[in-house]
Amino acid sequence: MGSCCSMCSGHNSDEIHFEGCLASGNVHLIKTMESWEAKLSEAVKDGKIVVANFSASWCRPCIMIAPAYCELADKYPSIVFLTLDVDDLAELSTSWDIKATPTFIFLKDGRQVDKLVGSNKPELQKKTAAVAHLATKSHS
């Protein structure tokens, strides 16, 4: 699957921290196509924004950005935060044109409204705040 945006390491104990953070709180770890489709249609039905983090357990930048992603999930409980492993869901990742990890896709009504490639924390915060504003605006 795609390349890591920065240096990559082999499998190690960071994977445990990575999955532990991303499976907690408001972040849902997506492991199957069925789970992806269910979460996406639930979000569309409820009029919620989705932030999908396409990452990999072996990708150092993915591991480094994980705590910030979890913080954003706590800060914006009205947004659905998903994490997908590109190795587990290679076909889905290809269909969303994921070429590097991490890649964050921002969705409204099931359609992409923004995208961020890389582990740029300030940019992730900025784009998440922008889609949160978009969600608030559409409800008023």
C-alpha atoms as a PDB file:
ATOM      1  CA  MET A   1       0.000   0.000   0.000  1.00  0.00           C
ATOM      2  CA  GLY A   2       1.073   3.647  -0.252  1.00  0.00           C
ATOM      3  CA  SER A   3       4.148   5.148   1.240  1.00  0.00           C
ATOM      4  CA  CYS A   4       4.625   6.653   4.640  1.00  0.00           C
ATOM      5  CA  CYS A   5       5.066  10.431   4.558  1.00  0.00           C
ATOM      6  CA  SER A   6       8.236  10.312   6.603  1.00  0.00           C
ATOM      7  CA  MET A   7      10.576   7.684   7.933  1.00  0.00           C
ATOM      8  CA  CYS A   8       8.962   4.314   8.552  1.00  0.00           C
ATOM      9  CA  SER A   9       9.914   1.686  11.048  1.00  0.00           C
ATOM     10  CA  GLY A  10       9.260  -2.020  11.313  1.00  0.00           C
ATOM     11  CA  HIS A  11       6.590  -3.470  13.573  1.00  0.00           C
ATOM     12  CA  ASN A  12       7.234  -2.614  17.203  1.00  0.00           C
ATOM     13  CA  SER A  13       5.584  -1.805  20.518  1.00  0.00           C
ATOM     14  CA  ASP A  14       4.326   1.551  19.183  1.00  0.00           C
ATOM     15  CA  GLU A  15       1.584  -0.402  17.391  1.00  0.00           C
ATOM     16  CA  ILE A  16      -0.023  -1.243  20.723  1.00  0.00           C
ATOM     17  CA  HIS A  17      -0.122   2.443  21.709  1.00  0.00           C
ATOM     18  CA  PHE A  18      -1.351   3.357  18.226  1.00  0.00           C
ATOM     19  CA  GLU A  19      -4.333   0.971  18.293  1.00  0.00           C
ATOM     20  CA  GLY A  20      -5.031   1.689  21.957  1.00  0.00           C
ATOM     21  CA  CYS A  21      -5.410   5.412  21.350  1.00  0.00           C
ATOM     22  CA  LEU A  22      -7.370   5.114  18.146  1.00  0.00           C
ATOM     23  CA  ALA A  23      -9.889   2.606  19.466  1.00  0.00           C
ATOM     24  CA  SER A  24     -10.835   4.758  22.442  1.00  0.00           C
ATOM     25  CA  GLY A  25     -13.131   7.697  23.046  1.00  0.00           C
ATOM     26  CA  ASN A  26     -14.780   9.184  19.987  1.00  0.00           C
ATOM     27  CA  VAL A  27     -12.414   7.466  17.518  1.00  0.00           C
ATOM     28  CA  HIS A  28     -13.726   4.316  15.870  1.00  0.00           C
ATOM     29  CA  LEU A  29     -11.259   1.766  14.508  1.00  0.00           C
ATOM     30  CA  ILE A  30     -12.627   0.458  11.197  1.00  0.00           C
ATOM     31  CA  LYS A  31     -11.440  -3.040  10.318  1.00  0.00           C
ATOM     32  CA  THR A  32     -13.982  -4.168   7.705  1.00  0.00           C
ATOM     33  CA  MET A  33     -15.700  -2.768   4.642  1.00  0.00           C
ATOM     34  CA  GLU A  34     -19.068  -3.440   6.318  1.00  0.00           C
ATOM     35  CA  SER A  35     -18.053  -1.380   9.345  1.00  0.00           C
ATOM     36  CA  TRP A  36     -16.924   1.486   7.064  1.00  0.00           C
ATOM     37  CA  GLU A  37     -20.204   1.466   5.146  1.00  0.00           C
ATOM     38  CA  ALA A  38     -22.276   1.288   8.348  1.00  0.00           C
ATOM     39  CA  LYS A  39     -20.465   4.222   9.999  1.00  0.00           C
ATOM     40  CA  LEU A  40     -20.617   6.299   6.828  1.00  0.00           C
ATOM     41  CA  SER A  41     -24.340   5.760   6.247  1.00  0.00           C
ATOM     42  CA  GLU A  42     -25.080   6.381   9.930  1.00  0.00           C
ATOM     43  CA  ALA A  43     -23.193   9.694   9.704  1.00  0.00           C
ATOM     44  CA  VAL A  44     -25.041  10.688   6.511  1.00  0.00           C
ATOM     45  CA  LYS A  45     -28.399   9.793   8.095  1.00  0.00           C
ATOM     46  CA  ASP A  46     -27.554  11.828  11.214  1.00  0.00           C
ATOM     47  CA  GLY A  47     -26.135  14.746   9.175  1.00  0.00           C
ATOM     48  CA  LYS A  48     -22.688  14.356  10.755  1.00  0.00           C
ATOM     49  CA  ILE A  49     -19.270  15.200   9.363  1.00  0.00           C
ATOM     50  CA  VAL A  50     -16.769  12.324   9.147  1.00  0.00           C
ATOM     51  CA  VAL A  51     -12.990  12.565   9.468  1.00  0.00           C
ATOM     52  CA  ALA A  52     -11.382   9.367   8.167  1.00  0.00           C
ATOM     53  CA  ASN A  53      -7.751   8.755   9.078  1.00  0.00           C
ATOM     54  CA  PHE A  54      -6.149   6.344   6.605  1.00  0.00           C
ATOM     55  CA  SER A  55      -3.050   5.170   8.438  1.00  0.00           C
ATOM     56  CA  ALA A  56      -0.773   2.201   9.061  1.00  0.00           C
ATOM     57  CA  SER A  57       0.506   0.635  12.261  1.00  0.00           C
ATOM     58  CA  TRP A  58       4.092   0.658  10.940  1.00  0.00           C
ATOM     59  CA  CYS A  59       4.043   4.336   9.947  1.00  0.00           C
ATOM     60  CA  ARG A  60       5.932   6.568  12.403  1.00  0.00           C
ATOM     61  CA  PRO A  61       4.119   9.835  11.408  1.00  0.00           C
ATOM     62  CA  CYS A  62       0.772   8.038  11.866  1.00  0.00           C
ATOM     63  CA  ILE A  63       1.803   7.055  15.384  1.00  0.00           C
ATOM     64  CA  MET A  64       3.056  10.567  16.128  1.00  0.00           C
ATOM     65  CA  ILE A  65      -0.201  12.270  15.022  1.00  0.00           C
ATOM     66  CA  ALA A  66      -2.478   9.747  16.800  1.00  0.00           C
ATOM     67  CA  PRO A  67      -2.658  11.611  20.158  1.00  0.00           C
ATOM     68  CA  ALA A  68      -3.557  14.890  18.394  1.00  0.00           C
ATOM     69  CA  TYR A  69      -6.239  13.063  16.383  1.00  0.00           C
ATOM     70  CA  CYS A  70      -7.680  11.658  19.634  1.00  0.00           C
ATOM     71  CA  GLU A  71      -7.657  15.146  21.188  1.00  0.00           C
ATOM     72  CA  LEU A  72      -9.601  16.503  18.210  1.00  0.00           C
ATOM     73  CA  ALA A  73     -12.111  13.669  18.565  1.00  0.00           C
ATOM     74  CA  ASP A  74     -12.663  14.677  22.193  1.00  0.00           C
ATOM     75  CA  LYS A  75     -12.884  18.360  21.276  1.00  0.00           C
ATOM     76  CA  TYR A  76     -15.454  17.810  18.494  1.00  0.00           C
ATOM     77  CA  PRO A  77     -17.878  15.116  19.723  1.00  0.00           C
ATOM     78  CA  SER A  78     -20.390  15.961  16.973  1.00  0.00           C
ATOM     79  CA  ILE A  79     -17.915  14.780  14.300  1.00  0.00           C
ATOM     80  CA  VAL A  80     -17.443  11.071  13.587  1.00  0.00           C
ATOM     81  CA  PHE A  81     -13.725  10.197  13.728  1.00  0.00           C
ATOM     82  CA  LEU A  82     -12.669   6.976  12.016  1.00  0.00           C
ATOM     83  CA  THR A  83      -9.294   5.289  11.680  1.00  0.00           C
ATOM     84  CA  LEU A  84      -8.620   2.749   8.958  1.00  0.00           C
ATOM     85  CA  ASP A  85      -5.493   0.666   8.432  1.00  0.00           C
ATOM     86  CA  VAL A  86      -4.529   0.846   4.756  1.00  0.00           C
ATOM     87  CA  ASP A  87      -3.086  -2.662   4.931  1.00  0.00           C
ATOM     88  CA  ASP A  88      -6.340  -4.138   6.284  1.00  0.00           C
ATOM     89  CA  LEU A  89      -8.522  -2.193   3.840  1.00  0.00           C
ATOM     90  CA  ALA A  90      -6.309  -1.907   0.764  1.00  0.00           C
ATOM     91  CA  GLU A  91      -9.165  -1.900  -1.760  1.00  0.00           C
ATOM     92  CA  LEU A  92     -11.043   0.832   0.108  1.00  0.00           C
ATOM     93  CA  SER A  93      -7.842   2.867   0.451  1.00  0.00           C
ATOM     94  CA  THR A  94      -7.224   2.588  -3.281  1.00  0.00           C
ATOM     95  CA  SER A  95     -10.796   3.671  -4.045  1.00  0.00           C
ATOM     96  CA  TRP A  96     -10.177   6.870  -2.029  1.00  0.00           C
ATOM     97  CA  ASP A  97      -6.846   7.424  -3.854  1.00  0.00           C
ATOM     98  CA  ILE A  98      -4.722   7.021  -0.713  1.00  0.00           C
ATOM     99  CA  LYS A  99      -1.087   7.177  -1.798  1.00  0.00           C
ATOM    100  CA  ALA A 100       0.626   7.977   1.517  1.00  0.00           C
ATOM    101  CA  THR A 101      -0.048   7.650   5.230  1.00  0.00           C
ATOM    102  CA  PRO A 102      -1.437   9.322   7.134  1.00  0.00           C
ATOM    103  CA  THR A 103      -4.138  10.744   4.874  1.00  0.00           C
ATOM    104  CA  PHE A 104      -7.171  12.411   6.414  1.00  0.00           C
ATOM    105  CA  ILE A 105     -10.365  12.586   4.353  1.00  0.00           C
ATOM    106  CA  PHE A 106     -13.103  14.982   5.494  1.00  0.00           C
ATOM    107  CA  LEU A 107     -16.618  13.943   4.436  1.00  0.00           C
ATOM    108  CA  LYS A 108     -20.000  15.633   4.483  1.00  0.00           C
ATOM    109  CA  ASP A 109     -23.063  13.746   3.250  1.00  0.00           C
ATOM    110  CA  GLY A 110     -20.725  10.901   2.264  1.00  0.00           C
ATOM    111  CA  ARG A 111     -18.739  13.123  -0.109  1.00  0.00           C
ATOM    112  CA  GLN A 112     -15.192  14.395   0.281  1.00  0.00           C
ATOM    113  CA  VAL A 113     -15.035  18.084   1.195  1.00  0.00           C
ATOM    114  CA  ASP A 114     -11.342  18.244   2.122  1.00  0.00           C
ATOM    115  CA  LYS A 115      -8.184  16.156   2.368  1.00  0.00           C
ATOM    116  CA  LEU A 116      -4.887  16.338   4.232  1.00  0.00           C
ATOM    117  CA  VAL A 117      -1.874  14.193   3.424  1.00  0.00           C
ATOM    118  CA  GLY A 118       0.779  13.967   6.136  1.00  0.00           C
ATOM    119  CA  SER A 119       1.053  14.456   9.871  1.00  0.00           C
ATOM    120  CA  ASN A 120       0.855  18.256   9.978  1.00  0.00           C
ATOM    121  CA  LYS A 121      -0.825  18.819  13.360  1.00  0.00           C
ATOM    122  CA  PRO A 122      -1.655  22.554  12.920  1.00  0.00           C
ATOM    123  CA  GLU A 123      -3.161  21.853   9.485  1.00  0.00           C
ATOM    124  CA  LEU A 124      -5.186  18.916  10.847  1.00  0.00           C
ATOM    125  CA  GLN A 125      -6.498  21.145  13.642  1.00  0.00           C
ATOM    126  CA  LYS A 126      -7.339  23.913  11.155  1.00  0.00           C
ATOM    127  CA  LYS A 127      -9.151  21.631   8.699  1.00  0.00           C
ATOM    128  CA  THR A 128     -11.068  19.877  11.497  1.00  0.00           C
ATOM    129  CA  ALA A 129     -12.172  23.232  12.924  1.00  0.00           C
ATOM    130  CA  ALA A 130     -13.275  24.289   9.424  1.00  0.00           C
ATOM    131  CA  VAL A 131     -15.436  21.184   8.895  1.00  0.00           C
ATOM    132  CA  ALA A 132     -16.834  21.533  12.425  1.00  0.00           C
ATOM    133  CA  HIS A 133     -17.886  25.059  11.457  1.00  0.00           C
ATOM    134  CA  LEU A 134     -19.389  23.670   8.249  1.00  0.00           C
ATOM    135  CA  ALA A 135     -21.453  21.214  10.319  1.00  0.00           C
ATOM    136  CA  THR A 136     -22.645  23.962  12.681  1.00  0.00           C
ATOM    137  CA  LYS A 137     -23.502  26.225   9.757  1.00  0.00           C
ATOM    138  CA  SER A 138     -25.622  23.554   8.049  1.00  0.00           C
ATOM    139  CA  HIS A 139     -27.642  22.994  11.246  1.00  0.00           C
ATOM    140  CA  SER A 140     -28.533  26.664  11.743  1.00  0.00           C
END
